[in-house]
Amino acid sequence: MAEGGLVPFELTVQILINGLIANPSKNYLIDGFPRAVEQAIYFEQNVCECQQVLFYDVSEDTLMERCLARASTSVVQRDDDNAETLRKRLKAFQESSRPVVELY
């Protein structure tokens, strides 16, 4: 594993490539990817260029409200579905994934 316990983006891209090969199509919607600029660049250099990006611009208050509501009604209860952890996830998004949105 890479620093911080994250899967190396090259491995993530290889898994995606394997999935694309196993399920040929003209179009794909890859949810939650890329999560970092380096991942986006690597994917475009080694697989294909991104054609479109979907990004839902939602306020942090709304995200917190929705995630906490989902956590309270979810069949699978996760210990980390709480306000403190959600704030950390949102901060991580702002630091690593927001630049991807700006790239595209």
Protein backbone atom coordinates (compact mmCIF):
# COMPACT_ATOMS: atom_id res chain seq x y z
CA MET A 1 0.00 0.00 0.00
CA ALA A 2 1.04 3.57 -0.60
CA GLU A 3 1.74 6.17 2.04
CA GLY A 4 -1.22 6.83 4.32
CA GLY A 5 -2.74 3.39 3.65
CA LEU A 6 -4.04 4.38 0.21
CA VAL A 7 -3.99 2.04 -2.76
CA PRO A 8 -1.43 3.25 -5.36
CA PHE A 9 -3.28 5.01 -8.19
CA GLU A 10 -1.51 2.83 -10.77
CA LEU A 11 -3.18 -0.22 -9.21
CA THR A 12 -6.56 1.52 -9.16
CA VAL A 13 -6.17 2.39 -12.85
CA GLN A 14 -5.16 -1.20 -13.68
CA ILE A 15 -8.28 -2.49 -11.93
CA LEU A 16 -10.35 -0.05 -13.98
CA ILE A 17 -8.63 -1.17 -17.19
CA ASN A 18 -9.42 -4.80 -16.34
CA GLY A 19 -13.05 -3.85 -15.78
CA LEU A 20 -13.22 -1.94 -19.07
CA ILE A 21 -11.72 -4.89 -20.96
CA ALA A 22 -14.11 -7.34 -19.30
CA ASN A 23 -17.13 -5.12 -20.10
CA PRO A 24 -16.61 -3.52 -23.52
CA SER A 25 -18.76 -0.47 -24.22
CA LYS A 26 -18.63 2.81 -26.11
CA ASN A 27 -19.20 4.78 -22.91
CA TYR A 28 -18.45 4.36 -19.23
CA LEU A 29 -19.47 6.23 -16.12
CA ILE A 30 -16.77 5.79 -13.49
CA ASP A 31 -18.17 6.94 -10.16
CA GLY A 32 -15.79 8.58 -7.70
CA PHE A 33 -12.79 8.54 -10.03
CA PRO A 34 -10.33 10.16 -10.31
CA ARG A 35 -9.84 11.35 -6.75
CA ALA A 36 -6.54 13.15 -7.33
CA VAL A 37 -4.96 15.09 -10.19
CA GLU A 38 -2.11 12.57 -10.52
CA GLN A 39 -4.69 9.79 -10.93
CA ALA A 40 -6.49 11.76 -13.65
CA ILE A 41 -3.30 12.48 -15.57
CA TYR A 42 -2.09 8.88 -15.31
CA PHE A 43 -5.47 7.55 -16.50
CA GLU A 44 -5.57 9.91 -19.49
CA GLN A 45 -1.97 9.15 -20.47
CA ASN A 46 -2.37 5.37 -20.18
CA VAL A 47 -6.03 4.63 -20.94
CA CYS A 48 -8.06 7.35 -22.62
CA GLU A 49 -9.01 10.99 -22.39
CA CYS A 50 -11.97 11.93 -20.25
CA GLN A 51 -14.94 13.10 -22.34
CA GLN A 52 -17.26 14.47 -19.67
CA VAL A 53 -17.33 15.03 -15.93
CA LEU A 54 -20.33 15.08 -13.61
CA PHE A 55 -19.86 17.17 -10.49
CA TYR A 56 -22.62 18.06 -8.07
CA ASP A 57 -21.80 21.29 -6.27
CA VAL A 58 -23.49 20.98 -2.88
CA SER A 59 -22.90 23.02 0.26
CA GLU A 60 -21.02 21.41 3.15
CA ASP A 61 -24.06 21.88 5.40
CA THR A 62 -26.27 19.98 2.96
CA LEU A 63 -23.69 17.20 2.57
CA MET A 64 -23.39 16.81 6.33
CA GLU A 65 -27.17 16.72 6.73
CA ARG A 66 -27.62 14.10 3.99
CA CYS A 67 -24.74 11.89 5.14
CA LEU A 68 -25.85 11.92 8.76
CA ALA A 69 -29.43 11.13 7.71
CA ARG A 70 -28.17 8.24 5.55
CA ALA A 71 -26.10 6.96 8.44
CA SER A 72 -29.09 6.98 10.79
CA THR A 73 -31.27 4.98 8.38
CA SER A 74 -28.66 2.66 6.88
CA VAL A 75 -29.03 -1.08 7.34
CA VAL A 76 -25.26 -1.31 7.69
CA GLN A 77 -24.16 0.72 10.70
CA ARG A 78 -20.65 2.12 10.40
CA ASP A 79 -18.74 3.42 13.40
CA ASP A 80 -17.22 6.19 11.27
CA ASP A 81 -20.54 7.66 10.07
CA ASN A 82 -20.44 10.63 12.41
CA ALA A 83 -20.00 14.38 12.09
CA GLU A 84 -16.30 14.39 13.01
CA THR A 85 -15.37 11.74 10.44
CA LEU A 86 -17.55 13.34 7.78
CA ARG A 87 -15.78 16.68 8.32
CA LYS A 88 -12.44 14.90 7.82
CA ARG A 89 -13.74 13.31 4.60
CA LEU A 90 -14.91 16.68 3.31
CA LYS A 91 -11.55 18.24 4.16
CA ALA A 92 -9.77 15.41 2.31
CA PHE A 93 -12.05 16.02 -0.67
CA GLN A 94 -11.22 19.73 -0.68
CA GLU A 95 -7.50 18.98 -0.53
CA SER A 96 -7.18 16.18 -3.07
CA SER A 97 -10.33 15.90 -5.18
CA ARG A 98 -11.36 19.54 -5.63
CA PRO A 99 -8.24 20.14 -7.78
CA VAL A 100 -9.51 17.37 -10.11
CA VAL A 101 -12.74 19.33 -10.59
CA GLU A 102 -10.67 22.42 -11.38
CA LEU A 103 -8.50 20.43 -13.82
CA TYR A 104 -11.53 19.49 -15.89
